[in-house]
Amino acid sequence: MIDLNAKVEGANRVSDFTPIPNGDYQVVVDKMTDWESKVLDINVNTRGADGKIVKGADGKNVKTVVKDATIYSANVTFEVTQGEFKGRRLFLNISTHPDLMFRSESILWAVGQKDTILGKMKEAVVGKPLTVTTEIRKRPFKQVDKTTGATTYVDKEYNEITKFAKPSLIPNEEFDV
């Protein structure tokens, strides 16, 4: 066992975080962090009696402000298990925000869990196989020049998981997110 008095050498552990191509990948849930809570004021999509999101006259979703909402979030890491990108990792943030619960529900469904207490989700999904579909997206990334202090923003590419499905050995169902 390694204790805090152990001497270790520095190592350059460069990982490849460039996005993998759009497509379907067989993955396993590698790990999930513990849920962390925050108290926030949040905007939530307003839903009608039919459960559908209400649209305003401008065509945009009508939002309701919820003050001091306790929201839990966790990070899920998936590892590609087959093909050219075997060993690469994909990342997803999940949350109990009412507009983001579909992510947790989709993962649970894809690994074959009919229902699970969210606090026990890690035990229910880690090590389980599923299929995900990824797309490359871009988002602004802040860069600060170390010499001048000037701030610029550049588009950084990343993989976004857009679909979850049961592993290819369990045919016929997909769940779009």
Protein backbone atom coordinates (compact mmCIF):
# COMPACT_ATOMS: atom_id res chain seq x y z
CA MET A 1 0.00 0.00 0.00
CA ILE A 2 1.27 3.48 -0.81
CA ASP A 3 1.23 5.95 2.04
CA LEU A 4 1.87 9.69 2.10
CA ASN A 5 5.55 9.20 2.95
CA ALA A 6 6.23 7.36 -0.33
CA LYS A 7 8.65 9.03 -2.75
CA VAL A 8 7.32 9.27 -6.30
CA GLU A 9 8.76 10.51 -9.57
CA GLY A 10 7.00 12.98 -11.82
CA ALA A 11 5.67 11.52 -15.03
CA ASN A 12 4.36 13.13 -18.19
CA ARG A 13 0.92 11.57 -18.55
CA VAL A 14 -0.30 13.20 -21.76
CA SER A 15 -3.80 12.08 -22.68
CA ASP A 16 -5.51 12.51 -26.00
CA PHE A 17 -8.62 14.65 -25.53
CA THR A 18 -9.24 15.38 -29.21
CA PRO A 19 -12.80 14.42 -30.11
CA ILE A 20 -13.45 11.05 -31.69
CA PRO A 21 -15.49 11.05 -34.92
CA ASN A 22 -19.28 11.25 -34.89
CA GLY A 23 -20.78 7.79 -34.56
CA ASP A 24 -22.01 4.94 -32.43
CA TYR A 25 -19.65 3.44 -29.85
CA GLN A 26 -19.84 0.43 -27.57
CA VAL A 27 -18.86 1.73 -24.14
CA VAL A 28 -18.85 0.75 -20.50
CA VAL A 29 -19.60 3.13 -17.63
CA ASP A 30 -16.06 3.46 -16.27
CA LYS A 31 -16.83 5.66 -13.28
CA MET A 32 -19.25 8.11 -11.78
CA THR A 33 -18.41 10.75 -9.20
CA ASP A 34 -20.40 11.18 -6.02
CA TRP A 35 -23.36 13.53 -6.29
CA GLU A 36 -22.57 17.10 -5.21
CA SER A 37 -25.27 19.52 -4.15
CA LYS A 38 -25.67 23.23 -4.79
CA VAL A 39 -28.46 25.61 -3.87
CA LEU A 40 -29.27 27.82 -6.86
CA ASP A 41 -31.94 29.93 -8.44
CA ILE A 42 -32.79 28.02 -11.63
CA ASN A 43 -34.91 28.46 -14.76
CA VAL A 44 -37.10 25.47 -15.52
CA ASN A 45 -39.11 24.81 -18.67
CA THR A 46 -42.82 25.27 -18.00
CA ARG A 47 -44.86 22.20 -18.94
CA GLY A 48 -48.53 21.97 -19.81
CA ALA A 49 -51.02 19.40 -18.47
CA ASP A 50 -49.90 17.07 -21.29
CA GLY A 51 -46.29 17.22 -20.05
CA LYS A 52 -45.06 19.07 -23.14
CA ILE A 53 -42.92 22.21 -22.89
CA VAL A 54 -44.96 25.41 -23.25
CA LYS A 55 -43.82 27.76 -26.04
CA GLY A 56 -44.28 31.53 -25.95
CA ALA A 57 -45.55 33.70 -28.81
CA ASP A 58 -41.90 34.12 -29.87
CA GLY A 59 -41.51 30.34 -30.23
CA LYS A 60 -39.13 30.08 -27.27
CA ASN A 61 -39.64 27.86 -24.25
CA VAL A 62 -41.51 29.54 -21.39
CA LYS A 63 -39.38 29.37 -18.24
CA THR A 64 -40.33 29.45 -14.57
CA VAL A 65 -37.83 30.69 -11.97
CA VAL A 66 -37.34 28.39 -8.98
CA LYS A 67 -35.55 30.12 -6.09
CA ASP A 68 -33.16 28.27 -3.77
CA ALA A 69 -33.48 24.92 -5.52
CA THR A 70 -31.18 22.14 -4.33
CA ILE A 71 -29.62 20.60 -7.43
CA TYR A 72 -27.33 17.57 -7.42
CA SER A 73 -24.77 16.89 -10.13
CA ALA A 74 -22.26 14.17 -10.95
CA ASN A 75 -19.84 13.33 -13.74
CA VAL A 76 -19.96 10.05 -15.66
CA THR A 77 -16.98 8.67 -17.59
CA PHE A 78 -17.52 6.12 -20.35
CA GLU A 79 -14.73 4.01 -21.90
CA VAL A 80 -14.93 2.88 -25.52
CA THR A 81 -14.59 -0.92 -25.50
CA GLN A 82 -14.28 -1.78 -29.21
CA GLY A 83 -12.82 -0.58 -32.47
CA GLU A 84 -10.21 1.98 -33.44
CA PHE A 85 -10.93 4.20 -30.43
CA LYS A 86 -10.89 1.43 -27.82
CA GLY A 87 -9.68 2.84 -24.51
CA ARG A 88 -10.73 6.43 -25.26
CA ARG A 89 -13.00 8.11 -22.77
CA LEU A 90 -16.18 10.14 -23.15
CA PHE A 91 -17.55 12.41 -20.43
CA LEU A 92 -21.05 13.48 -19.43
CA ASN A 93 -22.35 15.72 -16.67
CA ILE A 94 -25.65 14.60 -15.15
CA SER A 95 -27.91 16.62 -12.91
CA THR A 96 -31.18 16.54 -10.99
CA HIS A 97 -32.19 19.82 -12.67
CA PRO A 98 -35.72 19.04 -13.95
CA ASP A 99 -34.73 19.85 -17.56
CA LEU A 100 -31.66 17.57 -17.42
CA MET A 101 -33.01 14.45 -15.71
CA PHE A 102 -33.34 12.78 -19.12
CA ARG A 103 -29.60 12.10 -19.06
CA SER A 104 -29.74 10.00 -15.88
CA GLU A 105 -32.93 8.29 -17.04
CA SER A 106 -31.34 7.49 -20.42
CA ILE A 107 -28.22 5.95 -18.89
CA LEU A 108 -30.28 3.84 -16.48
CA TRP A 109 -32.53 2.64 -19.31
CA ALA A 110 -29.58 1.80 -21.59
CA VAL A 111 -27.88 -0.36 -18.93
CA GLY A 112 -31.15 -2.17 -18.21
CA GLN A 113 -32.15 -0.56 -14.90
CA LYS A 114 -35.93 -0.11 -14.68
CA ASP A 115 -35.73 2.07 -11.61
CA THR A 116 -33.04 3.08 -9.17
CA ILE A 117 -32.73 5.46 -6.29
CA LEU A 118 -30.53 8.30 -7.60
CA GLY A 119 -28.27 8.10 -4.55
CA LYS A 120 -27.45 4.53 -5.59
CA MET A 121 -27.07 5.23 -9.30
CA LYS A 122 -23.30 4.79 -9.22
CA GLU A 123 -23.65 1.20 -8.00
CA ALA A 124 -26.33 0.55 -10.64
CA VAL A 125 -24.37 1.76 -13.69
CA VAL A 126 -20.60 1.49 -13.15
CA GLY A 127 -19.19 -1.45 -15.10
CA LYS A 128 -22.30 -1.79 -17.28
CA PRO A 129 -22.15 -1.77 -21.10
CA LEU A 130 -24.24 0.42 -23.38
CA THR A 131 -24.06 2.07 -26.79
CA VAL A 132 -23.73 5.83 -27.18
CA THR A 133 -23.89 8.09 -30.20
CA THR A 134 -21.54 11.06 -30.22
CA GLU A 135 -21.38 14.26 -32.20
CA ILE A 136 -18.57 16.80 -32.28
CA ARG A 137 -19.67 20.20 -30.95
CA LYS A 138 -17.86 23.48 -30.36
CA ARG A 139 -17.93 25.85 -27.39
CA PRO A 140 -16.01 29.03 -26.59
CA PHE A 141 -12.90 28.44 -24.51
CA LYS A 142 -11.19 31.31 -22.67
CA GLN A 143 -7.45 31.70 -23.25
CA VAL A 144 -5.27 34.18 -21.38
CA ASP A 145 -1.91 35.17 -22.90
CA LYS A 146 0.68 34.63 -20.16
CA THR A 147 2.85 37.50 -21.42
CA THR A 148 0.29 40.22 -22.10
CA GLY A 149 -2.67 39.07 -20.01
CA ALA A 150 -4.93 39.53 -23.04
CA THR A 151 -8.02 37.33 -23.04
CA THR A 152 -9.28 35.71 -26.21
CA TYR A 153 -11.92 33.08 -26.89
CA VAL A 154 -11.45 30.20 -29.28
CA ASP A 155 -13.90 27.50 -30.29
CA LYS A 156 -12.87 24.22 -28.72
CA GLU A 157 -14.25 20.95 -30.10
CA TYR A 158 -15.59 18.27 -27.79
CA ASN A 159 -17.72 15.12 -27.99
CA GLU A 160 -21.34 15.38 -26.92
CA ILE A 161 -23.30 12.21 -26.28
CA THR A 162 -26.57 12.62 -28.19
CA LYS A 163 -28.15 9.14 -27.91
CA PHE A 164 -28.09 6.19 -25.56
CA ALA A 165 -28.99 2.65 -26.58
CA LYS A 166 -28.83 -0.78 -25.10
CA PRO A 167 -25.63 -2.60 -26.13
CA SER A 168 -25.66 -3.94 -29.69
CA LEU A 169 -26.21 -7.44 -28.33
CA ILE A 170 -29.64 -6.28 -27.09
CA PRO A 171 -31.34 -5.28 -30.37
CA ASN A 172 -34.03 -2.83 -31.41
CA GLU A 173 -34.29 0.06 -28.94
CA GLU A 174 -32.76 3.54 -28.95
CA PHE A 175 -33.36 6.59 -26.81
CA ASP A 176 -32.68 10.03 -28.28
CA VAL A 177 -31.63 12.80 -25.94
